[in-house]
Amino acid sequence: MATKIQPLGPRVLVKRLDEEEESSGGIIIPDSAKEKPQEAEVISLGTGGKDENGNDIAFTVKKKDKVLISKYGGTDVKIDGKELLIVNEVDILAVIG
């Protein structure tokens, strides 16, 4: 049975996109030497945030968007064997088009 997860507040659930395992020169890079990829795909959106006047703040990303996330932002979670990340929307740096 698949677990459904709903981030709370202005948080976004993303899945990191795999980087290439081979360098341009043909050298295979071991997992221990790789940096975590900064590109990710949006899986689900949180419940949203409010501004100081109590008005809803709309998300600027949507499901399935490819995004660039901050290198050290977010919290790693493992759900149904999948490595995912929960980030605040402010930790999303750009949408990749």
N, C-alpha and C. Protein backbone atom coordinates (compact mmCIF):
# COMPACT_ATOMS: atom_id res chain seq x y z
N MET A 1 0.84 -1.18 0.00
CA MET A 1 0.00 0.00 0.00
C MET A 1 0.88 1.25 0.00
N ALA A 2 0.61 2.16 -0.89
CA ALA A 2 1.39 3.39 -1.00
C ALA A 2 0.97 4.38 0.10
N THR A 3 1.95 5.01 0.68
CA THR A 3 1.70 6.00 1.71
C THR A 3 1.51 7.36 1.06
N LYS A 4 0.49 8.07 1.46
CA LYS A 4 0.27 9.42 0.95
C LYS A 4 0.80 10.39 1.99
N ILE A 5 1.56 11.39 1.54
CA ILE A 5 2.11 12.38 2.46
C ILE A 5 1.68 13.76 1.97
N GLN A 6 1.22 14.58 2.91
CA GLN A 6 0.78 15.95 2.62
C GLN A 6 1.65 16.90 3.43
N PRO A 7 2.56 17.64 2.78
CA PRO A 7 3.33 18.62 3.53
C PRO A 7 2.41 19.68 4.13
N LEU A 8 2.82 20.26 5.24
CA LEU A 8 2.03 21.29 5.90
C LEU A 8 2.63 22.67 5.64
N GLY A 9 1.76 23.67 5.65
CA GLY A 9 2.22 25.05 5.45
C GLY A 9 2.83 25.26 4.08
N PRO A 10 3.81 26.17 3.99
CA PRO A 10 4.40 26.51 2.69
C PRO A 10 5.53 25.56 2.30
N ARG A 11 5.33 24.27 2.52
CA ARG A 11 6.36 23.29 2.20
C ARG A 11 5.98 22.51 0.95
N VAL A 12 7.01 21.97 0.30
CA VAL A 12 6.83 21.25 -0.95
C VAL A 12 7.59 19.93 -0.86
N LEU A 13 6.96 18.84 -1.29
CA LEU A 13 7.61 17.53 -1.34
C LEU A 13 8.21 17.37 -2.73
N VAL A 14 9.52 17.09 -2.80
CA VAL A 14 10.19 16.95 -4.09
C VAL A 14 10.99 15.65 -4.11
N LYS A 15 11.28 15.20 -5.33
CA LYS A 15 12.15 14.04 -5.53
C LYS A 15 13.35 14.54 -6.31
N ARG A 16 14.54 14.31 -5.76
CA ARG A 16 15.76 14.71 -6.46
C ARG A 16 15.88 13.93 -7.76
N LEU A 17 16.35 14.62 -8.80
CA LEU A 17 16.58 13.97 -10.09
C LEU A 17 18.01 13.47 -10.11
N ASP A 18 18.21 12.25 -10.59
CA ASP A 18 19.54 11.64 -10.61
C ASP A 18 20.47 12.38 -11.55
N GLU A 19 21.72 12.55 -11.09
CA GLU A 19 22.74 13.12 -11.95
C GLU A 19 23.39 12.00 -12.74
N GLU A 20 24.09 12.37 -13.79
CA GLU A 20 24.81 11.38 -14.57
C GLU A 20 25.89 10.74 -13.71
N GLU A 21 26.09 9.44 -13.92
CA GLU A 21 27.08 8.72 -13.14
C GLU A 21 28.44 8.70 -13.81
N GLU A 22 28.54 9.28 -15.00
CA GLU A 22 29.80 9.26 -15.73
C GLU A 22 30.16 10.69 -16.09
N SER A 23 31.42 11.04 -15.95
CA SER A 23 31.86 12.39 -16.29
C SER A 23 31.96 12.52 -17.81
N SER A 24 32.18 13.74 -18.28
CA SER A 24 32.28 13.95 -19.72
C SER A 24 33.50 13.24 -20.31
N GLY A 25 34.52 12.97 -19.50
CA GLY A 25 35.70 12.25 -19.96
C GLY A 25 35.55 10.75 -19.89
N GLY A 26 34.39 10.25 -19.45
CA GLY A 26 34.14 8.83 -19.39
C GLY A 26 34.48 8.20 -18.05
N ILE A 27 34.86 9.00 -17.07
CA ILE A 27 35.20 8.47 -15.75
C ILE A 27 33.92 8.25 -14.96
N ILE A 28 33.78 7.07 -14.38
CA ILE A 28 32.59 6.77 -13.57
C ILE A 28 32.83 7.30 -12.16
N ILE A 29 31.88 8.08 -11.66
CA ILE A 29 32.01 8.71 -10.35
C ILE A 29 31.33 7.85 -9.30
N PRO A 30 32.05 7.43 -8.25
CA PRO A 30 31.42 6.61 -7.20
C PRO A 30 30.42 7.44 -6.39
N ASP A 31 29.44 6.75 -5.79
CA ASP A 31 28.41 7.42 -4.99
C ASP A 31 28.99 8.27 -3.88
N SER A 32 30.08 7.81 -3.26
CA SER A 32 30.67 8.54 -2.14
C SER A 32 31.26 9.88 -2.55
N ALA A 33 31.56 10.05 -3.82
CA ALA A 33 32.16 11.30 -4.29
C ALA A 33 31.14 12.25 -4.91
N LYS A 34 29.91 11.81 -5.05
CA LYS A 34 28.88 12.64 -5.69
C LYS A 34 28.29 13.63 -4.71
N GLU A 35 27.94 14.79 -5.23
CA GLU A 35 27.16 15.75 -4.45
C GLU A 35 25.69 15.44 -4.68
N LYS A 36 24.86 15.83 -3.74
CA LYS A 36 23.42 15.64 -3.93
C LYS A 36 22.97 16.55 -5.07
N PRO A 37 22.14 16.02 -5.95
CA PRO A 37 21.67 16.84 -7.06
C PRO A 37 20.79 17.99 -6.56
N GLN A 38 20.86 19.11 -7.25
CA GLN A 38 20.04 20.26 -6.89
C GLN A 38 18.78 20.34 -7.73
N GLU A 39 18.68 19.52 -8.78
CA GLU A 39 17.48 19.49 -9.58
C GLU A 39 16.50 18.49 -8.98
N ALA A 40 15.22 18.86 -8.97
CA ALA A 40 14.20 18.00 -8.38
C ALA A 40 12.88 18.18 -9.11
N GLU A 41 11.98 17.22 -8.87
CA GLU A 41 10.63 17.30 -9.43
C GLU A 41 9.65 17.45 -8.27
N VAL A 42 8.70 18.37 -8.41
CA VAL A 42 7.69 18.60 -7.38
C VAL A 42 6.71 17.43 -7.38
N ILE A 43 6.54 16.81 -6.20
CA ILE A 43 5.62 15.68 -6.04
C ILE A 43 4.28 16.16 -5.47
N SER A 44 4.32 16.98 -4.42
CA SER A 44 3.07 17.53 -3.86
C SER A 44 3.34 18.83 -3.13
N LEU A 45 2.29 19.61 -3.00
CA LEU A 45 2.37 20.93 -2.35
C LEU A 45 1.74 20.86 -0.97
N GLY A 46 2.21 21.75 -0.08
CA GLY A 46 1.68 21.82 1.26
C GLY A 46 0.31 22.48 1.31
N THR A 47 -0.11 22.78 2.51
CA THR A 47 -1.42 23.37 2.72
C THR A 47 -1.42 24.87 2.47
N GLY A 48 -0.26 25.47 2.28
CA GLY A 48 -0.15 26.90 1.97
C GLY A 48 0.19 27.73 3.18
N GLY A 49 0.52 28.96 2.93
CA GLY A 49 0.88 29.87 4.00
C GLY A 49 -0.04 31.08 4.03
N LYS A 50 0.14 31.89 5.04
CA LYS A 50 -0.64 33.12 5.19
C LYS A 50 0.33 34.29 5.37
N ASP A 51 -0.05 35.46 4.85
CA ASP A 51 0.76 36.65 5.08
C ASP A 51 0.37 37.28 6.41
N GLU A 52 0.98 38.42 6.74
CA GLU A 52 0.72 39.05 8.04
C GLU A 52 -0.72 39.55 8.20
N ASN A 53 -1.46 39.68 7.08
CA ASN A 53 -2.86 40.11 7.14
C ASN A 53 -3.83 38.93 7.14
N GLY A 54 -3.28 37.69 7.12
CA GLY A 54 -4.14 36.51 7.12
C GLY A 54 -4.60 36.06 5.74
N ASN A 55 -4.09 36.71 4.69
CA ASN A 55 -4.45 36.33 3.32
C ASN A 55 -3.63 35.12 2.88
N ASP A 56 -4.24 34.25 2.08
CA ASP A 56 -3.53 33.08 1.56
C ASP A 56 -2.40 33.51 0.62
N ILE A 57 -1.30 32.80 0.70
CA ILE A 57 -0.18 33.02 -0.22
C ILE A 57 -0.18 31.86 -1.20
N ALA A 58 -0.29 32.16 -2.49
CA ALA A 58 -0.35 31.11 -3.51
C ALA A 58 1.05 30.55 -3.78
N PHE A 59 1.12 29.26 -4.06
CA PHE A 59 2.38 28.63 -4.44
C PHE A 59 2.78 29.11 -5.83
N THR A 60 4.08 29.25 -6.06
CA THR A 60 4.57 29.65 -7.38
C THR A 60 5.01 28.45 -8.20
N VAL A 61 4.96 27.25 -7.61
CA VAL A 61 5.28 26.02 -8.33
C VAL A 61 4.05 25.13 -8.33
N LYS A 62 4.06 24.13 -9.19
CA LYS A 62 2.95 23.17 -9.24
C LYS A 62 3.51 21.77 -9.39
N LYS A 63 2.66 20.77 -9.20
CA LYS A 63 3.09 19.38 -9.33
C LYS A 63 3.75 19.16 -10.68
N LYS A 64 4.78 18.32 -10.68
CA LYS A 64 5.54 17.90 -11.86
C LYS A 64 6.47 18.97 -12.40
N ASP A 65 6.53 20.15 -11.77
CA ASP A 65 7.51 21.15 -12.18
C ASP A 65 8.91 20.62 -11.88
N LYS A 66 9.86 20.92 -12.75
CA LYS A 66 11.27 20.64 -12.49
C LYS A 66 11.84 21.91 -11.87
N VAL A 67 12.48 21.77 -10.71
CA VAL A 67 12.95 22.94 -9.97
C VAL A 67 14.41 22.78 -9.57
N LEU A 68 15.01 23.90 -9.23
CA LEU A 68 16.37 23.94 -8.69
C LEU A 68 16.24 24.29 -7.21
N ILE A 69 16.75 23.40 -6.35
CA ILE A 69 16.61 23.62 -4.91
C ILE A 69 17.95 24.00 -4.30
N SER A 70 17.89 24.64 -3.14
CA SER A 70 19.11 25.01 -2.46
C SER A 70 19.86 23.77 -2.02
N LYS A 71 21.16 23.86 -2.04
CA LYS A 71 22.02 22.71 -1.82
C LYS A 71 21.81 22.05 -0.46
N TYR A 72 21.66 22.84 0.58
CA TYR A 72 21.56 22.27 1.93
C TYR A 72 20.19 22.46 2.56
N GLY A 73 19.19 22.84 1.77
CA GLY A 73 17.86 23.07 2.32
C GLY A 73 17.06 21.79 2.41
N GLY A 74 16.04 21.80 3.23
CA GLY A 74 15.08 20.71 3.29
C GLY A 74 15.42 19.61 4.26
N THR A 75 14.48 18.68 4.36
CA THR A 75 14.60 17.52 5.24
C THR A 75 14.41 16.26 4.41
N ASP A 76 15.41 15.37 4.46
CA ASP A 76 15.32 14.10 3.74
C ASP A 76 14.32 13.18 4.43
N VAL A 77 13.46 12.54 3.65
CA VAL A 77 12.52 11.55 4.17
C VAL A 77 12.52 10.34 3.25
N LYS A 78 12.22 9.17 3.80
CA LYS A 78 12.12 7.96 2.99
C LYS A 78 10.70 7.43 3.14
N ILE A 79 9.99 7.37 2.01
CA ILE A 79 8.59 6.94 2.02
C ILE A 79 8.43 5.83 0.99
N ASP A 80 7.95 4.68 1.45
CA ASP A 80 7.76 3.52 0.57
C ASP A 80 9.03 3.20 -0.22
N GLY A 81 10.19 3.34 0.43
CA GLY A 81 11.47 3.02 -0.20
C GLY A 81 12.01 4.10 -1.12
N LYS A 82 11.31 5.22 -1.25
CA LYS A 82 11.75 6.31 -2.13
C LYS A 82 12.38 7.41 -1.30
N GLU A 83 13.51 7.93 -1.77
CA GLU A 83 14.18 9.05 -1.11
C GLU A 83 13.54 10.35 -1.60
N LEU A 84 12.91 11.08 -0.70
CA LEU A 84 12.25 12.33 -1.03
C LEU A 84 12.79 13.43 -0.13
N LEU A 85 12.37 14.65 -0.39
CA LEU A 85 12.84 15.80 0.36
C LEU A 85 11.68 16.76 0.57
N ILE A 86 11.53 17.25 1.80
CA ILE A 86 10.52 18.28 2.07
C ILE A 86 11.27 19.59 2.23
N VAL A 87 10.93 20.58 1.39
CA VAL A 87 11.59 21.88 1.43
C VAL A 87 10.56 22.98 1.61
N ASN A 88 10.99 24.07 2.22
CA ASN A 88 10.15 25.27 2.22
C ASN A 88 10.16 25.83 0.82
N GLU A 89 9.08 26.45 0.42
CA GLU A 89 9.03 27.00 -0.93
C GLU A 89 10.14 28.03 -1.15
N VAL A 90 10.56 28.71 -0.10
CA VAL A 90 11.64 29.70 -0.26
C VAL A 90 12.98 29.05 -0.57
N ASP A 91 13.11 27.72 -0.34
CA ASP A 91 14.33 26.99 -0.68
C ASP A 91 14.35 26.55 -2.15
N ILE A 92 13.26 26.82 -2.87
CA ILE A 92 13.22 26.54 -4.30
C ILE A 92 13.73 27.80 -5.00
N LEU A 93 14.85 27.63 -5.72
CA LEU A 93 15.53 28.78 -6.31
C LEU A 93 14.99 29.16 -7.68
N ALA A 94 14.53 28.16 -8.46
CA ALA A 94 14.07 28.43 -9.81
C ALA A 94 13.25 27.27 -10.34
N VAL A 95 12.40 27.56 -11.31
CA VAL A 95 11.70 26.53 -12.07
C VAL A 95 12.48 26.34 -13.35
N ILE A 96 12.77 25.08 -13.68
CA ILE A 96 13.54 24.78 -14.89
C ILE A 96 12.55 24.52 -16.01
N GLY A 97 12.62 25.29 -17.05
CA GLY A 97 11.65 25.17 -18.13
C GLY A 97 12.22 24.56 -19.30
